[in-house]
């Protein structure tokens, strides 16, 4: 990967923030953290899609995994009755969160952070 520039550093900070929120979500199971995740994912999207940088463009597939899986989390949560998450919904949510976590690790590796 190329030497970090301002866009890369901003993206890395947002990615780190998302990773920390996900860590807290996995540890505490506090679904209110999804609001924070949403803001962080929007920030990643803003940085990545607002850049002509080839590094940001190279991350498009893994970023797409993050964006798409978070959209699916929201879709599943909207189908739950009064916020009650049944076993099937929980399994789906866990899978989507796992996919996001894996994409974050893959991006960090691509950026030479791990």
N, C-alpha and C. Protein backbone atom coordinates (compact mmCIF):
# COMPACT_ATOMS: atom_id res chain seq x y z
N UNK A 1 0.85 -1.17 0.00
CA UNK A 1 0.00 0.00 0.00
C UNK A 1 0.89 1.23 0.00
N UNK A 2 0.37 2.32 -0.48
CA UNK A 2 1.14 3.54 -0.58
C UNK A 2 1.24 4.23 0.78
N UNK A 3 2.12 5.21 0.84
CA UNK A 3 2.28 5.98 2.07
C UNK A 3 0.97 6.71 2.39
N UNK A 4 0.61 6.72 3.64
CA UNK A 4 -0.66 7.32 4.05
C UNK A 4 -0.70 8.81 3.76
N UNK A 5 -1.83 9.28 3.28
CA UNK A 5 -2.05 10.70 3.11
C UNK A 5 -3.20 11.11 4.02
N UNK A 6 -3.65 12.36 3.93
CA UNK A 6 -4.72 12.84 4.81
C UNK A 6 -6.00 12.03 4.69
N UNK A 7 -6.38 11.67 3.47
CA UNK A 7 -7.58 10.87 3.27
C UNK A 7 -7.44 9.51 3.90
N UNK A 8 -6.27 8.90 3.73
CA UNK A 8 -6.04 7.58 4.31
C UNK A 8 -6.13 7.66 5.83
N UNK A 9 -5.50 8.68 6.39
CA UNK A 9 -5.51 8.83 7.85
C UNK A 9 -6.93 9.04 8.38
N UNK A 10 -7.70 9.85 7.69
CA UNK A 10 -9.10 10.08 8.09
C UNK A 10 -9.89 8.77 8.00
N UNK A 11 -9.69 8.02 6.95
CA UNK A 11 -10.37 6.75 6.76
C UNK A 11 -9.96 5.76 7.85
N UNK A 12 -8.68 5.71 8.16
CA UNK A 12 -8.17 4.80 9.19
C UNK A 12 -8.77 5.15 10.55
N UNK A 13 -8.87 6.44 10.86
CA UNK A 13 -9.48 6.85 12.14
C UNK A 13 -10.94 6.38 12.19
N UNK A 14 -11.68 6.56 11.10
CA UNK A 14 -13.08 6.14 11.07
C UNK A 14 -13.19 4.61 11.18
N UNK A 15 -12.29 3.91 10.51
CA UNK A 15 -12.28 2.45 10.57
C UNK A 15 -11.97 1.97 11.99
N UNK A 16 -11.02 2.62 12.64
CA UNK A 16 -10.67 2.28 14.02
C UNK A 16 -11.86 2.51 14.95
N UNK A 17 -12.54 3.63 14.76
CA UNK A 17 -13.71 3.95 15.57
C UNK A 17 -14.79 2.89 15.39
N UNK A 18 -15.03 2.49 14.14
CA UNK A 18 -16.01 1.42 13.88
C UNK A 18 -15.59 0.13 14.56
N UNK A 19 -14.32 -0.20 14.49
CA UNK A 19 -13.82 -1.42 15.11
C UNK A 19 -14.03 -1.40 16.63
N UNK A 20 -13.79 -0.25 17.26
CA UNK A 20 -13.97 -0.14 18.70
C UNK A 20 -15.45 -0.26 19.09
N UNK A 21 -16.32 0.33 18.29
CA UNK A 21 -17.75 0.22 18.56
C UNK A 21 -18.21 -1.23 18.42
N UNK A 22 -17.72 -1.91 17.39
CA UNK A 22 -18.09 -3.32 17.20
C UNK A 22 -17.57 -4.16 18.35
N UNK A 23 -16.39 -3.87 18.82
CA UNK A 23 -15.83 -4.59 19.97
C UNK A 23 -16.76 -4.44 21.17
N UNK A 24 -17.20 -3.22 21.42
CA UNK A 24 -18.13 -2.97 22.53
C UNK A 24 -19.46 -3.69 22.30
N UNK A 25 -19.94 -3.67 21.08
CA UNK A 25 -21.19 -4.35 20.75
C UNK A 25 -21.09 -5.84 21.03
N UNK A 26 -19.98 -6.46 20.61
CA UNK A 26 -19.79 -7.90 20.84
C UNK A 26 -19.66 -8.20 22.33
N UNK A 27 -18.97 -7.33 23.07
CA UNK A 27 -18.77 -7.56 24.50
C UNK A 27 -20.04 -7.38 25.31
N UNK A 28 -20.80 -6.32 24.99
CA UNK A 28 -21.96 -5.97 25.82
C UNK A 28 -23.29 -6.39 25.22
N UNK A 29 -23.33 -6.61 23.91
CA UNK A 29 -24.59 -6.96 23.27
C UNK A 29 -25.59 -5.82 23.28
N UNK A 30 -25.10 -4.60 23.38
CA UNK A 30 -25.95 -3.42 23.49
C UNK A 30 -26.30 -2.92 22.09
N UNK A 31 -27.53 -3.21 21.64
CA UNK A 31 -27.94 -2.85 20.28
C UNK A 31 -28.05 -1.34 20.08
N UNK A 32 -28.04 -0.56 21.16
CA UNK A 32 -28.06 0.89 20.99
C UNK A 32 -26.77 1.38 20.32
N UNK A 33 -25.73 0.57 20.36
CA UNK A 33 -24.47 0.92 19.68
C UNK A 33 -24.62 0.89 18.16
N UNK A 34 -25.70 0.32 17.66
CA UNK A 34 -25.92 0.30 16.21
C UNK A 34 -26.09 1.73 15.67
N UNK A 35 -26.60 2.63 16.49
CA UNK A 35 -26.73 4.02 16.08
C UNK A 35 -25.34 4.63 15.86
N UNK A 36 -24.44 4.33 16.77
CA UNK A 36 -23.05 4.80 16.64
C UNK A 36 -22.39 4.16 15.41
N UNK A 37 -22.62 2.87 15.22
CA UNK A 37 -22.07 2.19 14.04
C UNK A 37 -22.56 2.84 12.77
N UNK A 38 -23.84 3.18 12.73
CA UNK A 38 -24.41 3.81 11.56
C UNK A 38 -23.67 5.10 11.21
N UNK A 39 -23.42 5.93 12.21
CA UNK A 39 -22.70 7.19 11.99
C UNK A 39 -21.28 6.91 11.48
N UNK A 40 -20.63 5.93 12.05
CA UNK A 40 -19.25 5.61 11.64
C UNK A 40 -19.21 5.06 10.21
N UNK A 41 -20.18 4.23 9.88
CA UNK A 41 -20.24 3.67 8.53
C UNK A 41 -20.54 4.77 7.52
N UNK A 42 -21.41 5.70 7.87
CA UNK A 42 -21.68 6.84 6.99
C UNK A 42 -20.41 7.66 6.77
N UNK A 43 -19.61 7.80 7.81
CA UNK A 43 -18.35 8.55 7.69
C UNK A 43 -17.38 7.81 6.76
N UNK A 44 -17.27 6.49 6.92
CA UNK A 44 -16.42 5.71 6.01
C UNK A 44 -16.88 5.90 4.57
N UNK A 45 -18.17 5.83 4.35
CA UNK A 45 -18.74 5.98 3.02
C UNK A 45 -18.41 7.36 2.45
N UNK A 46 -18.59 8.40 3.27
CA UNK A 46 -18.31 9.76 2.84
C UNK A 46 -16.84 9.92 2.41
N UNK A 47 -15.95 9.40 3.21
CA UNK A 47 -14.52 9.51 2.91
C UNK A 47 -14.18 8.73 1.65
N UNK A 48 -14.64 7.51 1.60
CA UNK A 48 -14.27 6.65 0.48
C UNK A 48 -14.87 7.12 -0.83
N UNK A 49 -16.14 7.47 -0.83
CA UNK A 49 -16.80 7.87 -2.06
C UNK A 49 -16.52 9.32 -2.45
N UNK A 50 -15.98 10.10 -1.56
CA UNK A 50 -15.63 11.47 -1.88
C UNK A 50 -14.20 11.61 -2.36
N UNK A 51 -13.53 10.49 -2.59
CA UNK A 51 -12.12 10.52 -2.93
C UNK A 51 -11.86 9.89 -4.30
N UNK A 52 -10.96 10.51 -5.04
CA UNK A 52 -10.50 9.94 -6.31
C UNK A 52 -9.24 9.11 -6.09
N UNK A 53 -8.82 9.00 -4.85
CA UNK A 53 -7.61 8.27 -4.49
C UNK A 53 -7.71 6.81 -4.89
N UNK A 54 -6.70 6.28 -5.58
CA UNK A 54 -6.75 4.88 -6.01
C UNK A 54 -6.81 3.88 -4.85
N UNK A 55 -6.24 4.25 -3.72
CA UNK A 55 -6.29 3.36 -2.55
C UNK A 55 -7.74 3.24 -2.06
N UNK A 56 -8.44 4.36 -2.00
CA UNK A 56 -9.83 4.33 -1.56
C UNK A 56 -10.69 3.54 -2.56
N UNK A 57 -10.39 3.68 -3.83
CA UNK A 57 -11.12 2.92 -4.85
C UNK A 57 -10.83 1.42 -4.74
N UNK A 58 -9.60 1.08 -4.37
CA UNK A 58 -9.22 -0.33 -4.23
C UNK A 58 -9.94 -1.00 -3.06
N UNK A 59 -10.41 -0.22 -2.13
CA UNK A 59 -11.11 -0.75 -0.95
C UNK A 59 -12.61 -0.92 -1.19
N UNK A 60 -13.06 -0.62 -2.40
CA UNK A 60 -14.48 -0.59 -2.70
C UNK A 60 -15.20 -1.90 -2.39
N UNK A 61 -14.62 -3.03 -2.73
CA UNK A 61 -15.30 -4.32 -2.50
C UNK A 61 -15.50 -4.57 -1.01
N UNK A 62 -14.45 -4.40 -0.23
CA UNK A 62 -14.57 -4.65 1.21
C UNK A 62 -15.48 -3.62 1.88
N UNK A 63 -15.40 -2.38 1.43
CA UNK A 63 -16.30 -1.36 1.96
C UNK A 63 -17.75 -1.70 1.61
N UNK A 64 -17.96 -2.22 0.41
CA UNK A 64 -19.29 -2.64 0.00
C UNK A 64 -19.85 -3.71 0.92
N UNK A 65 -18.98 -4.58 1.41
CA UNK A 65 -19.40 -5.62 2.36
C UNK A 65 -19.91 -4.94 3.64
N UNK A 66 -19.19 -3.95 4.11
CA UNK A 66 -19.60 -3.23 5.32
C UNK A 66 -20.94 -2.55 5.09
N UNK A 67 -21.04 -1.78 4.02
CA UNK A 67 -22.26 -1.02 3.76
C UNK A 67 -23.46 -1.95 3.57
N UNK A 68 -23.30 -2.98 2.76
CA UNK A 68 -24.40 -3.90 2.46
C UNK A 68 -24.86 -4.69 3.67
N UNK A 69 -23.91 -5.17 4.46
CA UNK A 69 -24.29 -5.95 5.64
C UNK A 69 -24.94 -5.08 6.70
N UNK A 70 -24.50 -3.83 6.82
CA UNK A 70 -25.16 -2.96 7.79
C UNK A 70 -26.58 -2.65 7.33
N UNK A 71 -26.77 -2.45 6.04
CA UNK A 71 -28.13 -2.25 5.52
C UNK A 71 -29.01 -3.46 5.84
N UNK A 72 -28.45 -4.66 5.77
CA UNK A 72 -29.22 -5.86 6.09
C UNK A 72 -29.53 -5.94 7.58
N UNK A 73 -28.63 -5.48 8.43
CA UNK A 73 -28.90 -5.44 9.87
C UNK A 73 -30.12 -4.56 10.13
N UNK A 74 -30.15 -3.40 9.51
CA UNK A 74 -31.28 -2.48 9.69
C UNK A 74 -32.56 -3.13 9.17
N UNK A 75 -32.48 -3.79 8.02
CA UNK A 75 -33.66 -4.45 7.45
C UNK A 75 -34.20 -5.52 8.40
N UNK A 76 -33.31 -6.33 8.98
CA UNK A 76 -33.75 -7.37 9.92
C UNK A 76 -34.39 -6.73 11.15
N UNK A 77 -33.76 -5.70 11.68
CA UNK A 77 -34.30 -5.05 12.88
C UNK A 77 -35.67 -4.44 12.62
N UNK A 78 -35.90 -3.97 11.42
CA UNK A 78 -37.20 -3.38 11.09
C UNK A 78 -38.30 -4.44 11.01
N UNK A 79 -37.91 -5.70 10.83
CA UNK A 79 -38.92 -6.76 10.74
C UNK A 79 -39.27 -7.35 12.10
N UNK A 80 -38.52 -7.00 13.13
CA UNK A 80 -38.80 -7.54 14.45
C UNK A 80 -39.99 -6.82 15.06
N UNK A 81 -40.77 -7.54 15.81
CA UNK A 81 -41.94 -6.96 16.45
C UNK A 81 -41.55 -6.33 17.77
N UNK A 82 -41.78 -5.04 17.89
CA UNK A 82 -41.52 -4.30 19.12
C UNK A 82 -40.09 -4.51 19.63
N UNK A 83 -39.15 -4.70 18.72
CA UNK A 83 -37.76 -4.85 19.11
C UNK A 83 -37.38 -6.21 19.66
N UNK A 84 -38.33 -7.17 19.66
CA UNK A 84 -38.02 -8.52 20.14
C UNK A 84 -37.28 -9.27 19.04
N UNK A 85 -36.06 -9.68 19.35
CA UNK A 85 -35.22 -10.37 18.38
C UNK A 85 -35.30 -11.87 18.65
N UNK A 86 -35.91 -12.60 17.71
CA UNK A 86 -36.03 -14.05 17.88
C UNK A 86 -34.72 -14.73 17.44
N UNK A 87 -34.68 -16.03 17.58
CA UNK A 87 -33.47 -16.80 17.29
C UNK A 87 -33.01 -16.63 15.84
N UNK A 88 -33.94 -16.66 14.90
CA UNK A 88 -33.59 -16.50 13.48
C UNK A 88 -33.01 -15.13 13.19
N UNK A 89 -33.63 -14.10 13.75
CA UNK A 89 -33.12 -12.74 13.56
C UNK A 89 -31.75 -12.59 14.20
N UNK A 90 -31.56 -13.18 15.38
CA UNK A 90 -30.27 -13.10 16.07
C UNK A 90 -29.18 -13.78 15.25
N UNK A 91 -29.50 -14.92 14.66
CA UNK A 91 -28.53 -15.63 13.81
C UNK A 91 -28.14 -14.76 12.62
N UNK A 92 -29.13 -14.14 12.00
CA UNK A 92 -28.86 -13.26 10.85
C UNK A 92 -28.01 -12.07 11.28
N UNK A 93 -28.38 -11.44 12.38
CA UNK A 93 -27.62 -10.28 12.86
C UNK A 93 -26.18 -10.64 13.16
N UNK A 94 -25.99 -11.79 13.80
CA UNK A 94 -24.62 -12.25 14.11
C UNK A 94 -23.81 -12.45 12.84
N UNK A 95 -24.42 -13.02 11.81
CA UNK A 95 -23.73 -13.25 10.54
C UNK A 95 -23.35 -11.93 9.87
N UNK A 96 -24.28 -10.98 9.85
CA UNK A 96 -24.00 -9.69 9.24
C UNK A 96 -22.89 -8.95 10.00
N UNK A 97 -22.93 -9.01 11.33
CA UNK A 97 -21.88 -8.39 12.13
C UNK A 97 -20.53 -9.06 11.89
N UNK A 98 -20.54 -10.38 11.78
CA UNK A 98 -19.31 -11.12 11.48
C UNK A 98 -18.75 -10.68 10.13
N UNK A 99 -19.61 -10.54 9.13
CA UNK A 99 -19.16 -10.12 7.81
C UNK A 99 -18.54 -8.73 7.85
N UNK A 100 -19.14 -7.83 8.61
CA UNK A 100 -18.58 -6.48 8.75
C UNK A 100 -17.23 -6.55 9.44
N UNK A 101 -17.15 -7.32 10.50
CA UNK A 101 -15.90 -7.46 11.24
C UNK A 101 -14.79 -8.01 10.33
N UNK A 102 -15.12 -9.00 9.56
CA UNK A 102 -14.15 -9.59 8.63
C UNK A 102 -13.68 -8.56 7.59
N UNK A 103 -14.61 -7.77 7.08
CA UNK A 103 -14.26 -6.73 6.10
C UNK A 103 -13.35 -5.68 6.73
N UNK A 104 -13.62 -5.30 7.97
CA UNK A 104 -12.77 -4.33 8.67
C UNK A 104 -11.35 -4.87 8.79
N UNK A 105 -11.22 -6.14 9.15
CA UNK A 105 -9.90 -6.76 9.26
C UNK A 105 -9.21 -6.81 7.90
N UNK A 106 -9.96 -7.15 6.85
CA UNK A 106 -9.39 -7.21 5.51
C UNK A 106 -8.91 -5.83 5.05
N UNK A 107 -9.68 -4.79 5.35
CA UNK A 107 -9.27 -3.43 4.99
C UNK A 107 -8.03 -3.04 5.76
N UNK A 108 -8.02 -3.34 7.05
CA UNK A 108 -6.84 -3.01 7.87
C UNK A 108 -5.59 -3.72 7.30
N UNK A 109 -5.75 -4.97 6.88
CA UNK A 109 -4.63 -5.70 6.30
C UNK A 109 -4.20 -5.06 4.99
N UNK A 110 -5.15 -4.67 4.16
CA UNK A 110 -4.83 -4.04 2.87
C UNK A 110 -4.10 -2.71 3.07
N UNK A 111 -4.40 -2.02 4.16
CA UNK A 111 -3.75 -0.76 4.45
C UNK A 111 -2.44 -0.94 5.22
N UNK A 112 -2.08 -2.20 5.49
CA UNK A 112 -0.83 -2.49 6.17
C UNK A 112 -0.89 -2.25 7.67
N UNK A 113 -2.07 -2.28 8.25
CA UNK A 113 -2.23 -2.00 9.68
C UNK A 113 -2.12 -3.25 10.54
N UNK A 114 -2.34 -4.40 9.94
CA UNK A 114 -2.22 -5.67 10.67
C UNK A 114 -1.38 -6.63 9.89
